[in-house]
């Protein structure tokens, strides 16, 4: 009897842990919009030869800053909409917490971009690798609020950063295509993780 009671107690504790983990997941990122940003990234990489120089330059930086700005605006609009329509104070609080975790990465990326932009064009080939590295760190910082599998996406960006750094010296003319593949495929992978980990068989908790 005591063994059964102990087992039931542990089962109840496990269920509480599962419920807490489920309620802590942030659902402001939706797979459809993340996949849409990935498709935009891939399209931008394929279209870039028609708009930017083949070697990283200030035009190259401007082009990708615009593409990133469009993707960030899409994400910000979705989060802003969620913040407005959600009645739960807890969900609104999670939106603010997620922003607090991710904004430092954006600020760091902006500072590095501006610094290398004004230092000279000979440093701009490093930016794609730095952007991928910072984005991976941003995803890693969000692990309390996203499914555990999102860490695979963070590791993907770390690995991609290494490839982009290598390309900066060995194949700079392919960096724009590399940018599109890195962030396009990365966002599609993130969308798949969000869908299979949250949206497929899960309903948003009512609070």
Protein backbone atom coordinates (compact mmCIF):
# COMPACT_ATOMS: atom_id res chain seq x y z
CA UNK A 1 0.00 0.00 0.00
CA UNK A 2 2.79 2.40 0.91
CA UNK A 3 4.61 1.61 -2.34
CA UNK A 4 1.46 2.43 -4.33
CA UNK A 5 0.97 5.70 -2.44
CA UNK A 6 4.58 6.69 -3.08
CA UNK A 7 4.26 5.88 -6.77
CA UNK A 8 1.06 7.91 -7.00
CA UNK A 9 2.75 10.84 -5.28
CA UNK A 10 5.63 10.76 -7.76
CA UNK A 11 3.18 10.51 -10.67
CA UNK A 12 1.37 13.56 -9.38
CA UNK A 13 4.64 15.48 -9.07
CA UNK A 14 5.59 14.52 -12.63
CA UNK A 15 2.19 15.71 -13.88
CA UNK A 16 2.63 19.02 -12.06
CA UNK A 17 6.04 19.44 -13.68
CA UNK A 18 4.56 18.72 -17.11
CA UNK A 19 1.80 21.25 -16.56
CA UNK A 20 4.27 23.89 -15.39
CA UNK A 21 6.51 23.26 -18.39
CA UNK A 22 3.50 23.46 -20.71
CA UNK A 23 2.27 26.72 -19.19
CA UNK A 24 5.74 28.28 -19.44
CA UNK A 25 5.97 27.74 -23.21
CA UNK A 26 5.52 30.97 -25.14
CA UNK A 27 3.05 30.61 -28.00
CA UNK A 28 3.62 33.99 -29.61
CA UNK A 29 5.84 32.40 -32.25
CA UNK A 30 3.64 30.57 -34.75
CA UNK A 31 5.06 28.08 -37.20
CA UNK A 32 3.29 29.63 -40.21
CA UNK A 33 4.86 33.05 -39.73
CA UNK A 34 8.29 31.63 -38.87
CA UNK A 35 8.15 29.50 -42.04
CA UNK A 36 7.08 32.57 -44.01
CA UNK A 37 10.15 34.44 -42.80
CA UNK A 38 12.28 31.44 -43.81
CA UNK A 39 10.86 31.47 -47.31
CA UNK A 40 11.55 35.20 -47.51
CA UNK A 41 15.15 34.57 -46.45
CA UNK A 42 15.66 31.91 -49.09
CA UNK A 43 14.09 34.11 -51.76
CA UNK A 44 16.26 37.05 -50.71
CA UNK A 45 19.38 34.90 -50.97
CA UNK A 46 18.48 33.68 -54.45
CA UNK A 47 17.51 37.17 -55.64
CA UNK A 48 20.49 38.97 -54.10
CA UNK A 49 22.84 38.71 -57.13
CA UNK A 50 20.41 40.93 -59.02
CA UNK A 51 20.53 43.62 -56.32
CA UNK A 52 23.87 43.50 -54.53
CA UNK A 53 27.51 43.27 -55.51
CA UNK A 54 29.04 39.82 -55.59
CA UNK A 55 31.54 40.70 -52.82
CA UNK A 56 30.23 41.93 -49.43
CA UNK A 57 29.92 45.71 -49.47
CA UNK A 58 27.82 48.42 -47.89
CA UNK A 59 25.12 47.65 -50.47
CA UNK A 60 25.24 44.02 -49.30
CA UNK A 61 24.78 45.12 -45.68
CA UNK A 62 21.93 47.46 -46.55
CA UNK A 63 20.14 44.77 -48.53
CA UNK A 64 20.24 42.25 -45.69
CA UNK A 65 19.36 44.83 -43.06
CA UNK A 66 16.19 45.58 -45.05
CA UNK A 67 15.37 41.87 -45.36
CA UNK A 68 15.96 41.38 -41.63
CA UNK A 69 13.86 44.43 -40.86
CA UNK A 70 10.92 42.97 -42.79
CA UNK A 71 11.19 39.68 -40.90
CA UNK A 72 11.52 41.41 -37.53
CA UNK A 73 8.53 43.63 -38.32
CA UNK A 74 6.48 40.51 -39.07
CA UNK A 75 7.52 38.96 -35.76
CA UNK A 76 6.92 42.22 -33.82
CA UNK A 77 3.47 42.63 -35.36
CA UNK A 78 2.50 39.09 -34.35
CA UNK A 79 3.77 39.55 -30.79
CA UNK A 80 2.12 42.95 -30.52
CA UNK A 81 -1.20 41.52 -31.70
CA UNK A 82 -0.90 38.70 -29.21
CA UNK A 83 -0.15 41.12 -26.39
CA UNK A 84 -3.24 43.18 -27.22
CA UNK A 85 -5.74 40.33 -27.65
CA UNK A 86 -4.59 38.08 -24.81
CA UNK A 87 -6.72 38.46 -21.71
CA UNK A 88 -4.34 36.55 -19.48
CA UNK A 89 -1.94 38.75 -17.53
CA UNK A 90 0.43 35.77 -17.36
CA UNK A 91 0.58 35.49 -21.16
CA UNK A 92 1.23 39.22 -21.47
CA UNK A 93 3.97 38.95 -18.90
CA UNK A 94 5.58 36.12 -20.90
CA UNK A 95 5.52 38.30 -24.02
CA UNK A 96 7.48 41.00 -22.18
CA UNK A 97 9.89 38.41 -20.75
CA UNK A 98 10.58 36.97 -24.20
CA UNK A 99 11.28 40.45 -25.56
CA UNK A 100 13.63 41.16 -22.67
CA UNK A 101 15.54 37.98 -23.49
CA UNK A 102 15.79 38.60 -27.24
CA UNK A 103 16.27 42.38 -27.50
CA UNK A 104 19.89 42.36 -26.19
CA UNK A 105 20.84 40.14 -29.16
CA UNK A 106 19.27 42.65 -31.55
CA UNK A 107 21.07 45.56 -29.91
CA UNK A 108 24.38 43.69 -30.08
CA UNK A 109 23.80 42.88 -33.74
CA UNK A 110 23.02 46.52 -34.54
CA UNK A 111 26.12 47.77 -32.71
CA UNK A 112 28.42 45.30 -34.45
CA UNK A 113 26.85 46.03 -37.85
CA UNK A 114 27.26 49.79 -37.47
CA UNK A 115 30.82 49.40 -36.20
CA UNK A 116 31.98 47.20 -39.09
CA UNK A 117 30.01 49.33 -41.56
CA UNK A 118 32.05 52.39 -40.65
CA UNK A 119 35.39 50.63 -40.10
CA UNK A 120 35.60 49.68 -43.75
CA UNK A 121 34.39 47.27 -46.40
CA UNK A 122 37.27 44.85 -45.74
CA UNK A 123 35.52 43.81 -42.50
CA UNK A 124 31.99 43.37 -43.86
CA UNK A 125 32.52 39.77 -44.94
CA UNK A 126 32.52 38.83 -41.24
CA UNK A 127 28.99 40.10 -40.67
CA UNK A 128 27.02 37.06 -41.95
CA UNK A 129 28.87 34.77 -39.52
CA UNK A 130 28.42 37.23 -36.67
CA UNK A 131 24.70 37.58 -37.41
CA UNK A 132 24.24 33.80 -37.41
CA UNK A 133 26.20 33.46 -34.18
CA UNK A 134 24.16 36.16 -32.44
CA UNK A 135 20.89 34.69 -33.67
CA UNK A 136 21.86 31.30 -32.31
CA UNK A 137 22.67 32.93 -28.96
CA UNK A 138 19.30 34.67 -29.05
CA UNK A 139 17.51 31.35 -29.54
CA UNK A 140 19.58 29.80 -26.77
CA UNK A 141 18.52 32.60 -24.40
CA UNK A 142 14.86 31.75 -25.12
CA UNK A 143 15.10 28.11 -24.04
CA UNK A 144 12.92 28.66 -20.88
CA UNK A 145 10.07 29.80 -23.14
CA UNK A 146 10.36 27.53 -26.19
CA UNK A 147 10.32 23.74 -26.69
CA UNK A 148 13.55 21.94 -25.81
CA UNK A 149 13.99 20.94 -29.45
CA UNK A 150 14.57 24.59 -30.36
CA UNK A 151 18.11 24.07 -29.05
CA UNK A 152 18.77 22.04 -32.19
CA UNK A 153 18.01 25.21 -34.16
CA UNK A 154 20.41 27.21 -31.98
CA UNK A 155 23.14 24.63 -32.60
CA UNK A 156 22.37 24.82 -36.32
CA UNK A 157 23.03 28.57 -36.29
CA UNK A 158 26.28 28.09 -34.37
CA UNK A 159 27.44 25.57 -36.97
CA UNK A 160 26.27 27.81 -39.82
CA UNK A 161 28.22 30.72 -38.31
CA UNK A 162 31.40 28.66 -38.58
CA UNK A 163 30.68 27.93 -42.24
CA UNK A 164 29.98 31.61 -42.96
CA UNK A 165 33.21 32.66 -41.26
CA UNK A 166 35.05 30.16 -43.45
CA UNK A 167 33.28 31.53 -46.54
CA UNK A 168 34.27 35.08 -45.60
CA UNK A 169 37.85 34.20 -46.51
CA UNK A 170 37.45 31.33 -48.93
CA UNK A 171 34.31 32.15 -50.94
CA UNK A 172 33.16 35.74 -50.23
CA UNK A 173 31.24 35.90 -53.51
CA UNK A 174 28.88 33.21 -52.23
CA UNK A 175 28.15 34.87 -48.88
CA UNK A 176 24.85 36.39 -49.92
CA UNK A 177 23.57 33.01 -51.05
CA UNK A 178 24.97 31.55 -47.83
CA UNK A 179 23.01 34.12 -45.84
CA UNK A 180 19.79 33.16 -47.56
CA UNK A 181 20.35 29.45 -47.02
CA UNK A 182 21.45 29.89 -43.39
CA UNK A 183 18.53 31.98 -42.21
CA UNK A 184 15.95 30.54 -44.61
CA UNK A 185 16.66 26.94 -43.67
CA UNK A 186 17.08 27.90 -40.01
CA UNK A 187 13.65 29.52 -39.86
CA UNK A 188 12.03 26.59 -41.66
CA UNK A 189 13.65 24.24 -39.14
CA UNK A 190 12.38 26.41 -36.28
CA UNK A 191 8.89 26.40 -37.80
CA UNK A 192 8.94 22.61 -37.94
CA UNK A 193 10.00 22.42 -34.29
CA UNK A 194 7.24 24.82 -33.22
CA UNK A 195 4.60 22.92 -35.18
CA UNK A 196 5.52 19.42 -34.04
CA UNK A 197 6.30 20.41 -30.44
CA UNK A 198 3.41 22.82 -29.75
CA UNK A 199 0.78 23.25 -32.41
CA UNK A 200 0.12 19.76 -33.80
CA UNK A 201 -1.46 18.15 -30.76
CA UNK A 202 -1.60 21.00 -28.29
CA UNK A 203 -4.20 23.52 -27.38
CA UNK A 204 -3.25 26.82 -25.81
CA UNK A 205 -3.91 26.69 -22.07
CA UNK A 206 -6.79 28.77 -20.83
CA UNK A 207 -5.71 31.02 -17.99
